[in-house]
Amino acid sequence: MKHRVPGVSKVEAKETEDGRLILKFQDESFHDPFVSRYVSDGTIKMFAYLVLLHDPNPHPLLCVEEPENQLYPLLLQELAEEFEAYTRLEGQVFVSTHSPDFLNSRD
C-alpha cells in the first residue's frame, strides 16, 4: 500500500473487544492513524484491489468493472501496473472501463 498510495505508510488491522475488525491507515503527515471510516472511498477501494491482487491463493480470473470509479486519477497507472503484474504471475484480469486515462496508462 505504501508503494502505491502516496502518503499512506502503513495499514493495520485491529480486532475490537466485540470481535469486529478495524482498519487503521497511517498517513505520513499525521502522528495518529485514521480508522477506515475517515479514509476516502478511493483509498479503501485501492486497498481492496491490492488485497485481492496479492492474495496468497490467487484466482485464475479476475473481473473488474470500472476500476477508475472513486480513484484519484494518478492512482490509475499504479492500479494498471498491479493488474499487469498479476497477469504475468497468477492469471487473467478482465477489465471493463470508460476511462481513457486508465487505458492509456500502460502504453
N, C-alpha and C. Protein backbone atom coordinates (compact mmCIF):
# COMPACT_ATOMS: atom_id res chain seq x y z
N MET A 1 0.84 -1.19 0.00
CA MET A 1 0.00 0.00 0.00
C MET A 1 0.88 1.25 0.00
N LYS A 2 1.94 1.24 0.78
CA LYS A 2 2.76 2.44 0.85
C LYS A 2 3.50 2.70 -0.46
N HIS A 3 3.65 1.68 -1.31
CA HIS A 3 4.30 1.87 -2.60
C HIS A 3 3.32 2.35 -3.67
N ARG A 4 2.04 2.24 -3.42
CA ARG A 4 1.04 2.56 -4.43
C ARG A 4 0.18 3.78 -4.11
N VAL A 5 0.00 4.11 -2.84
CA VAL A 5 -0.84 5.25 -2.47
C VAL A 5 0.02 6.27 -1.74
N PRO A 6 0.25 7.42 -2.35
CA PRO A 6 1.11 8.43 -1.73
C PRO A 6 0.59 8.84 -0.35
N GLY A 7 1.50 8.89 0.60
CA GLY A 7 1.15 9.33 1.95
C GLY A 7 0.82 8.21 2.91
N VAL A 8 0.29 7.10 2.42
CA VAL A 8 -0.07 6.00 3.31
C VAL A 8 1.19 5.18 3.57
N SER A 9 1.59 5.13 4.83
CA SER A 9 2.81 4.40 5.16
C SER A 9 2.56 3.02 5.76
N LYS A 10 1.33 2.81 6.28
CA LYS A 10 1.04 1.53 6.91
C LYS A 10 -0.46 1.36 7.06
N VAL A 11 -0.92 0.12 6.95
CA VAL A 11 -2.31 -0.23 7.24
C VAL A 11 -2.26 -1.36 8.26
N GLU A 12 -3.01 -1.19 9.33
CA GLU A 12 -3.01 -2.16 10.41
C GLU A 12 -4.44 -2.57 10.72
N ALA A 13 -4.63 -3.86 10.93
CA ALA A 13 -5.94 -4.38 11.32
C ALA A 13 -5.94 -4.63 12.82
N LYS A 14 -6.97 -4.12 13.49
CA LYS A 14 -7.11 -4.31 14.94
C LYS A 14 -8.47 -4.96 15.20
N GLU A 15 -8.47 -5.96 16.07
CA GLU A 15 -9.73 -6.59 16.47
C GLU A 15 -10.24 -5.91 17.73
N THR A 16 -11.52 -5.58 17.73
CA THR A 16 -12.13 -4.94 18.90
C THR A 16 -12.56 -6.01 19.91
N GLU A 17 -12.94 -5.56 21.08
CA GLU A 17 -13.37 -6.49 22.12
C GLU A 17 -14.57 -7.33 21.71
N ASP A 18 -15.43 -6.74 20.87
CA ASP A 18 -16.62 -7.47 20.44
C ASP A 18 -16.41 -8.27 19.16
N GLY A 19 -15.15 -8.42 18.72
CA GLY A 19 -14.85 -9.27 17.59
C GLY A 19 -14.85 -8.60 16.22
N ARG A 20 -15.12 -7.31 16.18
CA ARG A 20 -15.09 -6.61 14.89
C ARG A 20 -13.65 -6.30 14.51
N LEU A 21 -13.44 -6.06 13.23
CA LEU A 21 -12.12 -5.72 12.72
C LEU A 21 -12.12 -4.27 12.29
N ILE A 22 -11.14 -3.51 12.75
CA ILE A 22 -11.00 -2.10 12.38
C ILE A 22 -9.68 -1.93 11.64
N LEU A 23 -9.73 -1.25 10.50
CA LEU A 23 -8.51 -0.94 9.75
C LEU A 23 -8.03 0.44 10.15
N LYS A 24 -6.74 0.56 10.41
CA LYS A 24 -6.13 1.85 10.72
C LYS A 24 -5.10 2.17 9.64
N PHE A 25 -5.27 3.35 9.03
CA PHE A 25 -4.39 3.80 7.96
C PHE A 25 -3.48 4.88 8.52
N GLN A 26 -2.18 4.64 8.43
CA GLN A 26 -1.21 5.63 8.90
C GLN A 26 -0.80 6.52 7.75
N ASP A 27 -1.05 7.80 7.89
CA ASP A 27 -0.63 8.80 6.92
C ASP A 27 0.67 9.40 7.42
N GLU A 28 1.65 9.55 6.53
CA GLU A 28 2.96 10.07 6.92
C GLU A 28 2.89 11.46 7.54
N SER A 29 1.87 12.23 7.22
CA SER A 29 1.76 13.60 7.69
C SER A 29 1.18 13.73 9.10
N PHE A 30 0.65 12.64 9.65
CA PHE A 30 -0.03 12.69 10.94
C PHE A 30 0.59 11.70 11.92
N HIS A 31 0.52 12.05 13.18
CA HIS A 31 1.07 11.18 14.22
C HIS A 31 0.18 9.95 14.45
N ASP A 32 -1.12 10.16 14.55
CA ASP A 32 -2.05 9.07 14.83
C ASP A 32 -2.68 8.56 13.54
N PRO A 33 -2.92 7.25 13.43
CA PRO A 33 -3.56 6.71 12.23
C PRO A 33 -5.04 7.05 12.19
N PHE A 34 -5.61 6.96 10.99
CA PHE A 34 -7.03 7.17 10.76
C PHE A 34 -7.73 5.82 10.72
N VAL A 35 -8.90 5.71 11.33
CA VAL A 35 -9.69 4.50 11.13
C VAL A 35 -10.34 4.60 9.76
N SER A 36 -10.70 3.46 9.20
CA SER A 36 -11.16 3.41 7.81
C SER A 36 -12.36 4.31 7.53
N ARG A 37 -13.16 4.60 8.51
CA ARG A 37 -14.34 5.45 8.28
C ARG A 37 -13.95 6.87 7.86
N TYR A 38 -12.73 7.29 8.19
CA TYR A 38 -12.26 8.63 7.86
C TYR A 38 -11.31 8.67 6.67
N VAL A 39 -11.20 7.54 5.97
CA VAL A 39 -10.33 7.44 4.79
C VAL A 39 -11.22 7.51 3.56
N SER A 40 -10.71 8.07 2.48
CA SER A 40 -11.51 8.24 1.27
C SER A 40 -11.94 6.90 0.69
N ASP A 41 -13.05 6.93 -0.04
CA ASP A 41 -13.54 5.72 -0.70
C ASP A 41 -12.51 5.18 -1.69
N GLY A 42 -11.81 6.07 -2.36
CA GLY A 42 -10.78 5.65 -3.31
C GLY A 42 -9.64 4.91 -2.64
N THR A 43 -9.23 5.37 -1.47
CA THR A 43 -8.16 4.69 -0.73
C THR A 43 -8.61 3.31 -0.30
N ILE A 44 -9.84 3.21 0.18
CA ILE A 44 -10.38 1.90 0.58
C ILE A 44 -10.47 0.98 -0.64
N LYS A 45 -10.92 1.53 -1.76
CA LYS A 45 -11.04 0.73 -2.98
C LYS A 45 -9.68 0.24 -3.45
N MET A 46 -8.68 1.11 -3.44
CA MET A 46 -7.33 0.71 -3.84
C MET A 46 -6.79 -0.35 -2.90
N PHE A 47 -7.05 -0.19 -1.60
CA PHE A 47 -6.62 -1.18 -0.62
C PHE A 47 -7.27 -2.54 -0.92
N ALA A 48 -8.55 -2.54 -1.23
CA ALA A 48 -9.26 -3.80 -1.54
C ALA A 48 -8.68 -4.46 -2.79
N TYR A 49 -8.38 -3.66 -3.82
CA TYR A 49 -7.75 -4.22 -5.03
C TYR A 49 -6.41 -4.84 -4.69
N LEU A 50 -5.60 -4.15 -3.89
CA LEU A 50 -4.27 -4.67 -3.55
C LEU A 50 -4.36 -5.95 -2.73
N VAL A 51 -5.32 -6.02 -1.82
CA VAL A 51 -5.52 -7.25 -1.05
C VAL A 51 -5.88 -8.39 -2.00
N LEU A 52 -6.79 -8.16 -2.92
CA LEU A 52 -7.20 -9.18 -3.88
C LEU A 52 -6.03 -9.60 -4.78
N LEU A 53 -5.27 -8.63 -5.27
CA LEU A 53 -4.19 -8.93 -6.20
C LEU A 53 -2.99 -9.61 -5.54
N HIS A 54 -2.88 -9.50 -4.23
CA HIS A 54 -1.77 -10.13 -3.52
C HIS A 54 -2.23 -11.25 -2.60
N ASP A 55 -3.40 -11.80 -2.90
CA ASP A 55 -3.94 -12.93 -2.15
C ASP A 55 -3.00 -14.13 -2.29
N PRO A 56 -2.66 -14.80 -1.19
CA PRO A 56 -1.78 -15.97 -1.30
C PRO A 56 -2.41 -17.13 -2.08
N ASN A 57 -3.73 -17.12 -2.21
CA ASN A 57 -4.44 -18.11 -3.03
C ASN A 57 -5.09 -17.39 -4.21
N PRO A 58 -4.29 -17.06 -5.23
CA PRO A 58 -4.81 -16.24 -6.34
C PRO A 58 -5.89 -16.95 -7.15
N HIS A 59 -6.74 -16.12 -7.73
CA HIS A 59 -7.81 -16.62 -8.59
C HIS A 59 -7.30 -16.65 -10.03
N PRO A 60 -7.74 -17.63 -10.83
CA PRO A 60 -7.26 -17.70 -12.22
C PRO A 60 -7.83 -16.58 -13.10
N LEU A 61 -8.96 -16.00 -12.69
CA LEU A 61 -9.58 -14.93 -13.47
C LEU A 61 -10.17 -13.90 -12.53
N LEU A 62 -9.81 -12.64 -12.73
CA LEU A 62 -10.41 -11.53 -12.01
C LEU A 62 -11.18 -10.68 -13.00
N CYS A 63 -12.40 -10.31 -12.67
CA CYS A 63 -13.22 -9.43 -13.49
C CYS A 63 -13.47 -8.15 -12.71
N VAL A 64 -13.10 -7.02 -13.30
CA VAL A 64 -13.21 -5.74 -12.61
C VAL A 64 -13.98 -4.77 -13.50
N GLU A 65 -15.03 -4.19 -12.94
CA GLU A 65 -15.84 -3.24 -13.69
C GLU A 65 -15.53 -1.82 -13.22
N GLU A 66 -15.14 -0.99 -14.16
CA GLU A 66 -14.86 0.43 -13.94
C GLU A 66 -13.97 0.70 -12.73
N PRO A 67 -12.73 0.24 -12.78
CA PRO A 67 -11.83 0.45 -11.65
C PRO A 67 -11.52 1.92 -11.40
N GLU A 68 -11.78 2.76 -12.38
CA GLU A 68 -11.48 4.19 -12.25
C GLU A 68 -12.43 4.92 -11.30
N ASN A 69 -13.60 4.33 -11.03
CA ASN A 69 -14.57 4.99 -10.16
C ASN A 69 -13.99 5.19 -8.76
N GLN A 70 -14.07 6.42 -8.28
CA GLN A 70 -13.66 6.83 -6.94
C GLN A 70 -12.14 6.83 -6.72
N LEU A 71 -11.37 6.50 -7.77
CA LEU A 71 -9.92 6.53 -7.61
C LEU A 71 -9.36 7.86 -8.08
N TYR A 72 -8.40 8.36 -7.34
CA TYR A 72 -7.68 9.56 -7.75
C TYR A 72 -7.00 9.24 -9.08
N PRO A 73 -7.10 10.12 -10.08
CA PRO A 73 -6.58 9.81 -11.41
C PRO A 73 -5.12 9.34 -11.44
N LEU A 74 -4.28 9.84 -10.56
CA LEU A 74 -2.88 9.41 -10.57
C LEU A 74 -2.71 7.97 -10.10
N LEU A 75 -3.71 7.41 -9.43
CA LEU A 75 -3.63 6.01 -8.99
C LEU A 75 -3.98 5.02 -10.10
N LEU A 76 -4.54 5.52 -11.20
CA LEU A 76 -4.93 4.61 -12.28
C LEU A 76 -3.73 3.89 -12.87
N GLN A 77 -2.63 4.58 -13.05
CA GLN A 77 -1.44 3.93 -13.58
C GLN A 77 -0.91 2.89 -12.59
N GLU A 78 -0.94 3.23 -11.30
CA GLU A 78 -0.49 2.29 -10.27
C GLU A 78 -1.33 1.01 -10.31
N LEU A 79 -2.65 1.18 -10.44
CA LEU A 79 -3.54 0.03 -10.48
C LEU A 79 -3.32 -0.79 -11.75
N ALA A 80 -3.15 -0.12 -12.87
CA ALA A 80 -2.89 -0.83 -14.13
C ALA A 80 -1.60 -1.65 -14.03
N GLU A 81 -0.58 -1.11 -13.39
CA GLU A 81 0.67 -1.86 -13.19
C GLU A 81 0.43 -3.09 -12.32
N GLU A 82 -0.38 -2.95 -11.30
CA GLU A 82 -0.70 -4.09 -10.44
C GLU A 82 -1.46 -5.17 -11.21
N PHE A 83 -2.42 -4.77 -12.03
CA PHE A 83 -3.15 -5.74 -12.86
C PHE A 83 -2.19 -6.45 -13.81
N GLU A 84 -1.31 -5.69 -14.43
CA GLU A 84 -0.34 -6.27 -15.37
C GLU A 84 0.58 -7.27 -14.66
N ALA A 85 1.06 -6.93 -13.48
CA ALA A 85 1.92 -7.84 -12.72
C ALA A 85 1.17 -9.12 -12.36
N TYR A 86 -0.10 -8.99 -12.03
CA TYR A 86 -0.92 -10.15 -11.70
C TYR A 86 -1.02 -11.10 -12.89
N THR A 87 -1.19 -10.55 -14.08
CA THR A 87 -1.33 -11.40 -15.27
C THR A 87 -0.03 -12.12 -15.61
N ARG A 88 1.10 -11.53 -15.26
CA ARG A 88 2.38 -12.19 -15.53
C ARG A 88 2.61 -13.36 -14.58
N LEU A 89 2.07 -13.29 -13.37
CA LEU A 89 2.38 -14.30 -12.36
C LEU A 89 1.24 -15.24 -12.00
N GLU A 90 0.01 -14.75 -12.04
CA GLU A 90 -1.08 -15.51 -11.44
C GLU A 90 -2.18 -15.95 -12.40
N GLY A 91 -2.70 -15.06 -13.21
CA GLY A 91 -3.85 -15.41 -14.02
C GLY A 91 -4.24 -14.28 -14.95
N GLN A 92 -5.50 -14.22 -15.25
CA GLN A 92 -6.02 -13.22 -16.19
C GLN A 92 -6.84 -12.17 -15.44
N VAL A 93 -6.84 -10.97 -16.01
CA VAL A 93 -7.66 -9.89 -15.48
C VAL A 93 -8.50 -9.35 -16.63
N PHE A 94 -9.81 -9.35 -16.44
CA PHE A 94 -10.74 -8.79 -17.42
C PHE A 94 -11.27 -7.49 -16.83
N VAL A 95 -11.05 -6.38 -17.55
CA VAL A 95 -11.44 -5.06 -17.05
C VAL A 95 -12.37 -4.40 -18.05
N SER A 96 -13.50 -3.87 -17.56
CA SER A 96 -14.34 -3.02 -18.39
C SER A 96 -14.20 -1.59 -17.85
N THR A 97 -13.98 -0.65 -18.75
CA THR A 97 -13.74 0.72 -18.31
C THR A 97 -14.21 1.71 -19.36
N HIS A 98 -14.49 2.93 -18.92
CA HIS A 98 -14.79 4.05 -19.81
C HIS A 98 -13.68 5.09 -19.73
N SER A 99 -12.63 4.78 -19.04
CA SER A 99 -11.59 5.74 -18.75
C SER A 99 -10.44 5.68 -19.74
N PRO A 100 -10.27 6.72 -20.56
CA PRO A 100 -9.10 6.75 -21.43
C PRO A 100 -7.80 6.86 -20.62
N ASP A 101 -7.87 7.51 -19.45
CA ASP A 101 -6.68 7.60 -18.60
C ASP A 101 -6.22 6.22 -18.15
N PHE A 102 -7.16 5.36 -17.80
CA PHE A 102 -6.78 4.01 -17.39
C PHE A 102 -6.23 3.23 -18.58
N LEU A 103 -6.91 3.32 -19.72
CA LEU A 103 -6.47 2.58 -20.91
C LEU A 103 -5.10 3.04 -21.39
N ASN A 104 -4.83 4.32 -21.31
CA ASN A 104 -3.57 4.87 -21.81
C ASN A 104 -2.44 4.83 -20.78
N SER A 105 -2.73 4.38 -19.60
CA SER A 105 -1.72 4.40 -18.54
C SER A 105 -0.60 3.39 -18.78
N ARG A 106 -0.84 2.39 -19.56
CA ARG A 106 0.16 1.36 -19.83
C ARG A 106 0.47 1.34 -21.32
N ASP A 107 1.04 2.40 -21.84
CA ASP A 107 1.37 2.49 -23.28
C ASP A 107 2.26 1.38 -23.74
